[in-house]
Amino acid sequence: QVQLVESGGGLVQAGGSLRLSCAASGRIFNINLMGWYRQAPGKQRELVARFTSGGSTNYADSVKGRFTISRDNAKNTVYLQMTSLKPEDTAVYYCKMLTYWGQGTQVTVSS
């Protein structure tokens, strides 16, 4: 079993920043394949950023240049630094590793 616990969400004004964390525990397969997704009300869950098997990163076009995914292998933790936040970034943010999902953390951006 794998446990993923997100933290760092909250309410922020447009233009502000937040850093999300996702701590993995249990039977960890590969932290290098973790990623962040989000789901806004009434919308499908979508990819935000992830690490690829080739060692690179993928970002949704809507967050390129504003969000940065990083990891600390020693802590089994993946981060999502979010800057220049927009109201359309409001969503529940989830981390994922293989088929495992965290419980999500709410990010609300006010205009």
Foldseek 3Di string as FASTA:
>chain_A
DKAWAKDWADEEAQQAKIKMKIFMDDPDDDLQFKFKWWDDPPGDIGGAKTHDPVGHMDGDPVQPPFWDWDDDVVRNMIMIIGGSDDQVVFTWMWMDDDHDIHPTDTHGYHD
